[in-house]
C-alpha atoms as a PDB file:
ATOM      1  CA  UNK A   1       0.046   0.157   0.071  1.00  0.00           C
ATOM      2  CA  UNK A   2       1.208   3.471  -0.709  1.00  0.00           C
ATOM      3  CA  UNK A   3       0.031   6.661   1.216  1.00  0.00           C
ATOM      4  CA  UNK A   4       0.609  10.057   0.229  1.00  0.00           C
ATOM      5  CA  UNK A   5       0.066  12.776   2.881  1.00  0.00           C
ATOM      6  CA  UNK A   6      -0.167  16.315   1.416  1.00  0.00           C
ATOM      7  CA  UNK A   7      -0.308  18.880   3.932  1.00  0.00           C
ATOM      8  CA  UNK A   8      -0.190  22.768   4.277  1.00  0.00           C
ATOM      9  CA  UNK A   9       2.658  23.789   6.384  1.00  0.00           C
ATOM     10  CA  UNK A  10       5.841  22.254   7.988  1.00  0.00           C
ATOM     11  CA  UNK A  11       6.136  20.348  11.261  1.00  0.00           C
ATOM     12  CA  UNK A  12       8.240  22.588  13.421  1.00  0.00           C
ATOM     13  CA  UNK A  13       8.095  20.973  16.841  1.00  0.00           C
ATOM     14  CA  UNK A  14      10.698  18.340  17.325  1.00  0.00           C
ATOM     15  CA  UNK A  15       8.713  16.012  19.559  1.00  0.00           C
ATOM     16  CA  UNK A  16       5.980  15.985  17.037  1.00  0.00           C
ATOM     17  CA  UNK A  17       8.560  15.068  14.139  1.00  0.00           C
ATOM     18  CA  UNK A  18       9.949  12.400  16.267  1.00  0.00           C
ATOM     19  CA  UNK A  19       6.585  10.789  17.076  1.00  0.00           C
ATOM     20  CA  UNK A  20       5.525  10.986  13.346  1.00  0.00           C
ATOM     21  CA  UNK A  21       8.813   9.345  12.462  1.00  0.00           C
ATOM     22  CA  UNK A  22       8.421   6.472  14.792  1.00  0.00           C
ATOM     23  CA  UNK A  23       4.932   5.687  13.302  1.00  0.00           C
ATOM     24  CA  UNK A  24       6.322   5.798   9.850  1.00  0.00           C
ATOM     25  CA  UNK A  25       9.174   3.364  10.845  1.00  0.00           C
ATOM     26  CA  UNK A  26       6.523   0.824  12.333  1.00  0.00           C
ATOM     27  CA  UNK A  27       4.549   1.321   9.257  1.00  0.00           C
ATOM     28  CA  UNK A  28       7.388   0.424   6.749  1.00  0.00           C
ATOM     29  CA  UNK A  29       6.268  -3.130   6.438  1.00  0.00           C
ATOM     30  CA  UNK A  30       2.789  -2.561   5.580  1.00  0.00           C
ATOM     31  CA  UNK A  31       2.951   0.840   3.440  1.00  0.00           C
ATOM     32  CA  UNK A  32       5.066   3.321   2.051  1.00  0.00           C
ATOM     33  CA  UNK A  33       4.206   6.770   3.429  1.00  0.00           C
ATOM     34  CA  UNK A  34       5.232   9.808   1.322  1.00  0.00           C
ATOM     35  CA  UNK A  35       4.696  13.178   2.941  1.00  0.00           C
ATOM     36  CA  UNK A  36       4.447  16.351   0.668  1.00  0.00           C
ATOM     37  CA  UNK A  37       4.367  19.817   2.304  1.00  0.00           C
ATOM     38  CA  UNK A  38       2.995  23.047   0.574  1.00  0.00           C
ATOM     39  CA  UNK A  39       3.571  26.361   1.812  1.00  0.00           C
ATOM     40  CA  UNK A  40       0.758  28.219   3.658  1.00  0.00           C
ATOM     41  CA  UNK A  41      -0.745  31.125   1.706  1.00  0.00           C
ATOM     42  CA  UNK A  42       0.430  34.493   3.235  1.00  0.00           C
ATOM     43  CA  UNK A  43      -2.371  36.556   4.807  1.00  0.00           C
ATOM     44  CA  UNK A  44      -2.533  40.145   6.156  1.00  0.00           C
ATOM     45  CA  UNK A  45      -2.598  40.518  10.030  1.00  0.00           C
ATOM     46  CA  UNK A  46      -6.273  41.105  10.002  1.00  0.00           C
ATOM     47  CA  UNK A  47      -7.584  39.187   6.853  1.00  0.00           C
ATOM     48  CA  UNK A  48     -11.052  39.618   5.348  1.00  0.00           C
ATOM     49  CA  UNK A  49     -13.209  36.466   4.593  1.00  0.00           C
ATOM     50  CA  UNK A  50     -12.461  37.190   0.986  1.00  0.00           C
ATOM     51  CA  UNK A  51      -8.614  37.037   1.604  1.00  0.00           C
ATOM     52  CA  UNK A  52      -9.190  33.940   3.723  1.00  0.00           C
ATOM     53  CA  UNK A  53     -11.048  32.305   0.922  1.00  0.00           C
ATOM     54  CA  UNK A  54      -8.408  33.397  -1.731  1.00  0.00           C
ATOM     55  CA  UNK A  55      -5.749  31.842   0.609  1.00  0.00           C
ATOM     56  CA  UNK A  56      -7.758  28.594   0.817  1.00  0.00           C
ATOM     57  CA  UNK A  57      -8.050  28.422  -2.984  1.00  0.00           C
ATOM     58  CA  UNK A  58      -4.330  29.031  -3.487  1.00  0.00           C
ATOM     59  CA  UNK A  59      -3.442  26.340  -0.759  1.00  0.00           C
ATOM     60  CA  UNK A  60      -6.126  23.901  -2.469  1.00  0.00           C
ATOM     61  CA  UNK A  61      -4.390  24.569  -6.003  1.00  0.00           C
ATOM     62  CA  UNK A  62      -1.066  23.556  -4.516  1.00  0.00           C
ATOM     63  CA  UNK A  63      -2.293  20.537  -2.726  1.00  0.00           C
ATOM     64  CA  UNK A  64      -4.060  19.153  -5.814  1.00  0.00           C
ATOM     65  CA  UNK A  65      -1.032  19.871  -8.101  1.00  0.00           C
ATOM     66  CA  UNK A  66       1.073  17.532  -5.889  1.00  0.00           C
ATOM     67  CA  UNK A  67      -1.316  14.724  -5.729  1.00  0.00           C
ATOM     68  CA  UNK A  68      -0.600  11.413  -7.356  1.00  0.00           C
ATOM     69  CA  UNK A  69      -3.106   8.908  -8.451  1.00  0.00           C
ATOM     70  CA  UNK A  70      -4.999   7.190  -5.868  1.00  0.00           C
ATOM     71  CA  UNK A  71      -8.182   7.156  -3.441  1.00  0.00           C
ATOM     72  CA  UNK A  72      -8.382  10.813  -2.392  1.00  0.00           C
ATOM     73  CA  UNK A  73      -9.371  11.814   1.116  1.00  0.00           C
ATOM     74  CA  UNK A  74     -10.100  15.343   2.303  1.00  0.00           C
ATOM     75  CA  UNK A  75      -9.636  15.408   6.053  1.00  0.00           C
ATOM     76  CA  UNK A  76     -12.169  18.038   7.218  1.00  0.00           C
ATOM     77  CA  UNK A  77     -14.256  18.415  10.408  1.00  0.00           C
ATOM     78  CA  UNK A  78     -17.290  18.782   8.198  1.00  0.00           C
ATOM     79  CA  UNK A  79     -16.759  15.535   6.567  1.00  0.00           C
ATOM     80  CA  UNK A  80     -18.171  11.954   7.546  1.00  0.00           C
ATOM     81  CA  UNK A  81     -17.228  10.853  11.075  1.00  0.00           C
ATOM     82  CA  UNK A  82     -15.420   7.761  11.609  1.00  0.00           C
ATOM     83  CA  UNK A  83     -14.068   5.523  14.136  1.00  0.00           C
ATOM     84  CA  UNK A  84     -10.881   3.419  13.994  1.00  0.00           C
ATOM     85  CA  UNK A  85     -12.599   0.150  12.999  1.00  0.00           C
ATOM     86  CA  UNK A  86     -14.305   1.872  10.076  1.00  0.00           C
ATOM     87  CA  UNK A  87     -11.053   3.528   9.100  1.00  0.00           C
ATOM     88  CA  UNK A  88      -9.382   0.122   9.030  1.00  0.00           C
ATOM     89  CA  UNK A  89     -12.125  -1.024   6.774  1.00  0.00           C
ATOM     90  CA  UNK A  90     -11.563   1.755   4.501  1.00  0.00           C
ATOM     91  CA  UNK A  91      -7.767   0.963   4.359  1.00  0.00           C
ATOM     92  CA  UNK A  92      -8.472  -2.632   3.646  1.00  0.00           C
ATOM     93  CA  UNK A  93     -11.104  -1.850   0.792  1.00  0.00           C
ATOM     94  CA  UNK A  94      -8.672   0.658  -0.741  1.00  0.00           C
ATOM     95  CA  UNK A  95      -5.849  -1.904  -0.401  1.00  0.00           C
ATOM     96  CA  UNK A  96      -7.889  -4.735  -1.901  1.00  0.00           C
ATOM     97  CA  UNK A  97     -10.085  -3.221  -4.391  1.00  0.00           C
ATOM     98  CA  UNK A  98      -8.949   0.219  -5.440  1.00  0.00           C
ATOM     99  CA  UNK A  99      -5.272  -0.304  -6.267  1.00  0.00           C
ATOM    100  CA  UNK A 100      -3.844   0.346  -2.626  1.00  0.00           C
ATOM    101  CA  UNK A 101      -2.995   4.017  -3.109  1.00  0.00           C
ATOM    102  CA  UNK A 102      -4.283   6.645  -0.874  1.00  0.00           C
ATOM    103  CA  UNK A 103      -3.859  10.571  -0.983  1.00  0.00           C
ATOM    104  CA  UNK A 104      -4.711  12.407   2.092  1.00  0.00           C
ATOM    105  CA  UNK A 105      -5.126  16.167   2.103  1.00  0.00           C
ATOM    106  CA  UNK A 106      -4.647  18.214   5.354  1.00  0.00           C
ATOM    107  CA  UNK A 107      -5.403  21.882   5.077  1.00  0.00           C
ATOM    108  CA  UNK A 108      -4.016  24.825   6.701  1.00  0.00           C
ATOM    109  CA  UNK A 109      -5.277  26.995   9.511  1.00  0.00           C
ATOM    110  CA  UNK A 110      -8.384  27.899   7.615  1.00  0.00           C
ATOM    111  CA  UNK A 111      -9.248  24.543   6.302  1.00  0.00           C
ATOM    112  CA  UNK A 112      -9.404  23.064   2.917  1.00  0.00           C
ATOM    113  CA  UNK A 113     -10.704  24.671  -0.274  1.00  0.00           C
ATOM    114  CA  UNK A 114     -14.097  23.899  -1.636  1.00  0.00           C
ATOM    115  CA  UNK A 115     -12.218  22.291  -4.792  1.00  0.00           C
ATOM    116  CA  UNK A 116     -10.114  19.846  -2.581  1.00  0.00           C
ATOM    117  CA  UNK A 117     -13.343  18.702  -0.816  1.00  0.00           C
ATOM    118  CA  UNK A 118     -15.251  18.358  -4.188  1.00  0.00           C
ATOM    119  CA  UNK A 119     -12.192  16.450  -5.933  1.00  0.00           C
ATOM    120  CA  UNK A 120     -11.988  14.099  -3.083  1.00  0.00           C
ATOM    121  CA  UNK A 121     -13.509  10.610  -3.231  1.00  0.00           C
ATOM    122  CA  UNK A 122     -14.160  10.935   0.613  1.00  0.00           C
ATOM    123  CA  UNK A 123     -14.551  13.762   3.046  1.00  0.00           C
ATOM    124  CA  UNK A 124     -13.494  12.351   6.288  1.00  0.00           C
ATOM    125  CA  UNK A 125     -13.568  13.694   9.873  1.00  0.00           C
ATOM    126  CA  UNK A 126     -11.710  12.205  12.675  1.00  0.00           C
ATOM    127  CA  UNK A 127     -13.419  14.834  15.087  1.00  0.00           C
ATOM    128  CA  UNK A 128     -15.656  17.886  15.178  1.00  0.00           C
ATOM    129  CA  UNK A 129     -12.928  19.478  17.004  1.00  0.00           C
ATOM    130  CA  UNK A 130     -10.203  21.554  15.414  1.00  0.00           C
ATOM    131  CA  UNK A 131      -6.643  20.499  15.791  1.00  0.00           C
ATOM    132  CA  UNK A 132      -3.318  22.143  14.801  1.00  0.00           C
ATOM    133  CA  UNK A 133      -2.035  20.840  11.588  1.00  0.00           C
ATOM    134  CA  UNK A 134       1.087  19.489  13.196  1.00  0.00           C
ATOM    135  CA  UNK A 135      -0.901  17.624  15.797  1.00  0.00           C
ATOM    136  CA  UNK A 136      -3.388  16.342  13.076  1.00  0.00           C
ATOM    137  CA  UNK A 137      -0.672  14.733  10.992  1.00  0.00           C
ATOM    138  CA  UNK A 138       0.573  12.864  14.089  1.00  0.00           C
ATOM    139  CA  UNK A 139      -3.095  11.702  14.765  1.00  0.00           C
ATOM    140  CA  UNK A 140      -3.462  10.693  11.158  1.00  0.00           C
ATOM    141  CA  UNK A 141      -0.282   8.534  11.115  1.00  0.00           C
ATOM    142  CA  UNK A 142      -1.142   6.989  14.329  1.00  0.00           C
ATOM    143  CA  UNK A 143      -4.613   5.909  12.835  1.00  0.00           C
ATOM    144  CA  UNK A 144      -2.904   4.641   9.799  1.00  0.00           C
ATOM    145  CA  UNK A 145      -0.774   2.392  12.176  1.00  0.00           C
ATOM    146  CA  UNK A 146      -3.870   1.621  14.335  1.00  0.00           C
ATOM    147  CA  UNK A 147      -5.822   0.628  11.249  1.00  0.00           C
ATOM    148  CA  UNK A 148      -3.063  -1.728  10.123  1.00  0.00           C
ATOM    149  CA  UNK A 149      -2.944  -3.382  13.441  1.00  0.00           C
ATOM    150  CA  UNK A 150      -6.752  -3.854  13.427  1.00  0.00           C
ATOM    151  CA  UNK A 151      -6.646  -5.454  10.189  1.00  0.00           C
ATOM    152  CA  UNK A 152      -3.930  -7.855  11.498  1.00  0.00           C
ATOM    153  CA  UNK A 153      -5.921  -8.653  14.545  1.00  0.00           C
ATOM    154  CA  UNK A 154      -2.964  -7.360  16.735  1.00  0.00           C
ATOM    155  CA  UNK A 155      -3.541  -6.427  20.409  1.00  0.00           C
ATOM    156  CA  UNK A 156      -2.329  -2.777  19.910  1.00  0.00           C
ATOM    157  CA  UNK A 157      -6.006  -1.583  19.340  1.00  0.00           C
ATOM    158  CA  UNK A 158      -8.185  -2.202  22.464  1.00  0.00           C
END
């Protein structure tokens, strides 16, 4: 299986980078994880809604331009809610019936553009809460690991 994570922004905090690297190492036998980072759009100190919308569109274009072929998942709090078992089934279904390639989109501080959500095969929500993009990337990689452990019937997921 191949997973491409395309995210707005970089991981700046070392402990989060280390935790992500740990899960990527654990996943090596089950999947290749490729991370692509795009620069956040610049905004004024007090942006208007129109400026925010244009920034989201610019970020969305950059996200879509870097996407490879695969099952596209836009991660957005307005998406379909899921739990770990359902997420594991999605991993299995894409692995077994849709070519085994995922593309996950993580937006910037103002979320994903309408075009990214429209282009996605699935708009998925892990929570109705808002998370910093750095923390959410860690949550995503951990859920990929958890999903694979669920599919293996391993004790990790309790």
